[in-house]
């Protein structure tokens, strides 16, 4: 039974996207504004960054370029 749990946990980790934001920096920034960070915030921020980058890549491809530029973001 332990092998099944371990396999399921490994599968969930593989399905998760690699973090693109530095959690400690995000938390420090939010704390500097006098607020606290919920545990779900970092995952949502990471998802938002992935979505923004996907849109930028799509725009870059539509403009027949291979370099993502600031205006694509």
N, C-alpha and C. Protein backbone atom coordinates (compact mmCIF):
# COMPACT_ATOMS: atom_id res chain seq x y z
N UNK A 1 0.82 -1.19 0.00
CA UNK A 1 0.00 0.00 0.00
C UNK A 1 0.87 1.26 0.00
N UNK A 2 2.00 1.22 0.65
CA UNK A 2 2.88 2.38 0.70
C UNK A 2 3.39 2.74 -0.68
N UNK A 3 3.60 1.72 -1.53
CA UNK A 3 4.08 1.99 -2.88
C UNK A 3 3.04 2.73 -3.69
N UNK A 4 1.75 2.40 -3.49
CA UNK A 4 0.68 3.09 -4.21
C UNK A 4 0.63 4.56 -3.83
N UNK A 5 0.76 4.84 -2.53
CA UNK A 5 0.73 6.23 -2.07
C UNK A 5 1.90 7.01 -2.64
N UNK A 6 3.07 6.36 -2.62
CA UNK A 6 4.27 7.03 -3.13
C UNK A 6 4.13 7.30 -4.63
N UNK A 7 3.59 6.34 -5.37
CA UNK A 7 3.40 6.51 -6.81
C UNK A 7 2.40 7.63 -7.09
N UNK A 8 1.33 7.70 -6.32
CA UNK A 8 0.33 8.75 -6.51
C UNK A 8 0.93 10.12 -6.21
N UNK A 9 1.73 10.20 -5.16
CA UNK A 9 2.36 11.46 -4.80
C UNK A 9 3.34 11.90 -5.89
N UNK A 10 4.09 10.97 -6.45
CA UNK A 10 5.04 11.27 -7.51
C UNK A 10 4.30 11.75 -8.76
N UNK A 11 3.17 11.14 -9.06
CA UNK A 11 2.38 11.55 -10.23
C UNK A 11 1.85 12.96 -10.06
N UNK A 12 1.41 13.31 -8.85
CA UNK A 12 0.92 14.67 -8.60
C UNK A 12 2.03 15.68 -8.76
N UNK A 13 3.22 15.34 -8.27
CA UNK A 13 4.35 16.26 -8.40
C UNK A 13 4.71 16.48 -9.85
N UNK A 14 4.67 15.42 -10.65
CA UNK A 14 5.00 15.54 -12.06
C UNK A 14 3.98 16.41 -12.79
N UNK A 15 2.73 16.37 -12.35
CA UNK A 15 1.68 17.16 -12.99
C UNK A 15 1.79 18.64 -12.61
N UNK A 16 2.39 18.95 -11.47
CA UNK A 16 2.52 20.33 -11.02
C UNK A 16 3.57 21.05 -11.86
N UNK A 17 3.33 22.32 -12.09
CA UNK A 17 4.27 23.12 -12.86
C UNK A 17 5.41 23.57 -11.96
N UNK A 18 6.57 23.70 -12.56
CA UNK A 18 7.74 24.17 -11.83
C UNK A 18 7.52 25.62 -11.40
N UNK A 19 7.85 25.95 -10.16
CA UNK A 19 7.67 27.34 -9.70
C UNK A 19 8.55 28.31 -10.48
N UNK A 20 7.96 29.43 -10.89
CA UNK A 20 8.71 30.46 -11.61
C UNK A 20 8.95 31.68 -10.74
N UNK A 21 8.34 31.72 -9.58
CA UNK A 21 8.51 32.86 -8.68
C UNK A 21 9.27 32.40 -7.43
N UNK A 22 9.99 33.33 -6.84
CA UNK A 22 10.74 33.04 -5.62
C UNK A 22 9.82 33.34 -4.44
N UNK A 23 9.38 32.28 -3.77
CA UNK A 23 8.39 32.40 -2.71
C UNK A 23 8.83 33.37 -1.61
N UNK A 24 10.07 33.28 -1.19
CA UNK A 24 10.53 34.13 -0.09
C UNK A 24 10.50 35.61 -0.49
N UNK A 25 10.81 35.91 -1.74
CA UNK A 25 10.80 37.29 -2.21
C UNK A 25 9.36 37.82 -2.30
N UNK A 26 8.45 36.97 -2.78
CA UNK A 26 7.05 37.37 -2.88
C UNK A 26 6.49 37.63 -1.49
N UNK A 27 6.77 36.72 -0.57
CA UNK A 27 6.27 36.87 0.80
C UNK A 27 6.85 38.12 1.45
N UNK A 28 8.14 38.38 1.23
CA UNK A 28 8.77 39.57 1.81
C UNK A 28 8.15 40.85 1.25
N UNK A 29 7.88 40.85 -0.05
CA UNK A 29 7.26 42.03 -0.66
C UNK A 29 5.87 42.28 -0.08
N UNK A 30 5.08 41.24 0.01
CA UNK A 30 3.72 41.38 0.54
C UNK A 30 3.78 41.82 2.01
N UNK A 31 4.72 41.25 2.76
CA UNK A 31 4.88 41.62 4.17
C UNK A 31 5.29 43.09 4.30
N UNK A 32 6.12 43.58 3.36
CA UNK A 32 6.54 44.98 3.40
C UNK A 32 5.37 45.93 3.19
N UNK A 33 4.29 45.42 2.61
CA UNK A 33 3.08 46.22 2.39
C UNK A 33 2.09 46.07 3.55
N UNK A 34 2.54 45.36 4.61
CA UNK A 34 1.71 45.21 5.80
C UNK A 34 0.66 44.13 5.71
N UNK A 35 0.84 43.20 4.78
CA UNK A 35 -0.14 42.13 4.58
C UNK A 35 0.51 40.78 4.83
N UNK A 36 -0.33 39.74 4.84
CA UNK A 36 0.15 38.37 4.98
C UNK A 36 -0.16 37.60 3.71
N UNK A 37 0.55 36.50 3.49
CA UNK A 37 0.40 35.69 2.29
C UNK A 37 -0.25 34.36 2.64
N UNK A 38 -1.33 34.02 1.95
CA UNK A 38 -1.96 32.71 2.18
C UNK A 38 -1.16 31.64 1.44
N UNK A 39 -1.34 30.40 1.83
CA UNK A 39 -0.58 29.32 1.22
C UNK A 39 -0.96 29.12 -0.25
N UNK A 40 -2.18 29.46 -0.63
CA UNK A 40 -2.62 29.27 -2.01
C UNK A 40 -2.16 30.40 -2.94
N UNK A 41 -1.74 31.51 -2.38
CA UNK A 41 -1.37 32.67 -3.19
C UNK A 41 -0.20 32.41 -4.13
N UNK A 42 0.79 31.71 -3.65
CA UNK A 42 1.97 31.48 -4.48
C UNK A 42 1.65 30.59 -5.67
N UNK A 43 0.81 29.58 -5.48
CA UNK A 43 0.40 28.73 -6.58
C UNK A 43 -0.39 29.50 -7.62
N UNK A 44 -1.29 30.37 -7.15
CA UNK A 44 -2.10 31.19 -8.06
C UNK A 44 -1.21 32.17 -8.83
N UNK A 45 -0.23 32.75 -8.15
CA UNK A 45 0.70 33.67 -8.81
C UNK A 45 1.51 32.93 -9.86
N UNK A 46 1.97 31.74 -9.53
CA UNK A 46 2.73 30.94 -10.48
C UNK A 46 1.89 30.62 -11.72
N UNK A 47 0.62 30.26 -11.50
CA UNK A 47 -0.28 29.98 -12.62
C UNK A 47 -0.48 31.22 -13.49
N UNK A 48 -0.59 32.38 -12.85
CA UNK A 48 -0.77 33.63 -13.59
C UNK A 48 0.47 33.96 -14.43
N UNK A 49 1.64 33.69 -13.89
CA UNK A 49 2.88 33.93 -14.63
C UNK A 49 2.95 33.01 -15.84
N UNK A 50 2.62 31.72 -15.65
CA UNK A 50 2.60 30.79 -16.78
C UNK A 50 1.63 31.28 -17.86
N UNK A 51 0.44 31.72 -17.46
CA UNK A 51 -0.55 32.19 -18.43
C UNK A 51 -0.04 33.42 -19.18
N UNK A 52 0.59 34.35 -18.46
CA UNK A 52 1.12 35.55 -19.08
C UNK A 52 2.22 35.19 -20.09
N UNK A 53 3.08 34.27 -19.72
CA UNK A 53 4.15 33.88 -20.63
C UNK A 53 3.62 33.14 -21.85
N UNK A 54 2.60 32.30 -21.65
CA UNK A 54 1.98 31.61 -22.78
C UNK A 54 1.38 32.61 -23.77
N UNK A 55 0.71 33.64 -23.25
CA UNK A 55 0.13 34.68 -24.11
C UNK A 55 1.23 35.45 -24.85
N UNK A 56 2.33 35.72 -24.16
CA UNK A 56 3.43 36.45 -24.78
C UNK A 56 4.05 35.62 -25.91
N UNK A 57 4.20 34.33 -25.69
CA UNK A 57 4.75 33.46 -26.72
C UNK A 57 3.82 33.41 -27.93
N UNK A 58 2.52 33.32 -27.68
CA UNK A 58 1.54 33.31 -28.77
C UNK A 58 1.62 34.59 -29.58
N UNK A 59 1.72 35.72 -28.90
CA UNK A 59 1.82 37.02 -29.59
C UNK A 59 3.11 37.10 -30.39
N UNK A 60 4.19 36.61 -29.81
CA UNK A 60 5.49 36.62 -30.49
C UNK A 60 5.42 35.80 -31.78
N UNK A 61 4.83 34.61 -31.68
CA UNK A 61 4.69 33.75 -32.86
C UNK A 61 3.80 34.41 -33.92
N UNK A 62 2.74 35.08 -33.48
CA UNK A 62 1.83 35.75 -34.42
C UNK A 62 2.55 36.87 -35.17
N UNK A 63 3.54 37.48 -34.54
CA UNK A 63 4.33 38.54 -35.17
C UNK A 63 5.56 37.98 -35.90
N UNK A 64 5.58 36.68 -36.06
CA UNK A 64 6.66 35.98 -36.78
C UNK A 64 8.05 36.32 -36.24
N UNK A 65 8.15 36.30 -34.93
CA UNK A 65 9.44 36.51 -34.26
C UNK A 65 9.74 35.31 -33.40
N UNK A 66 11.00 35.21 -32.97
CA UNK A 66 11.37 34.13 -32.06
C UNK A 66 11.87 34.68 -30.72
N UNK A 67 11.78 35.99 -30.55
CA UNK A 67 12.23 36.63 -29.34
C UNK A 67 11.03 37.29 -28.65
N UNK A 68 10.79 36.90 -27.40
CA UNK A 68 9.73 37.55 -26.63
C UNK A 68 10.26 38.89 -26.15
N UNK A 69 9.51 39.95 -26.46
CA UNK A 69 9.91 41.31 -26.10
C UNK A 69 8.95 41.87 -25.04
N UNK A 70 9.35 42.96 -24.39
CA UNK A 70 8.49 43.55 -23.36
C UNK A 70 7.08 43.84 -23.83
N UNK A 71 6.92 44.29 -25.06
CA UNK A 71 5.59 44.61 -25.55
C UNK A 71 4.71 43.36 -25.69
N UNK A 72 5.31 42.18 -25.72
CA UNK A 72 4.52 40.94 -25.79
C UNK A 72 3.89 40.60 -24.44
N UNK A 73 4.47 41.13 -23.40
CA UNK A 73 3.94 40.88 -22.06
C UNK A 73 2.80 41.83 -21.77
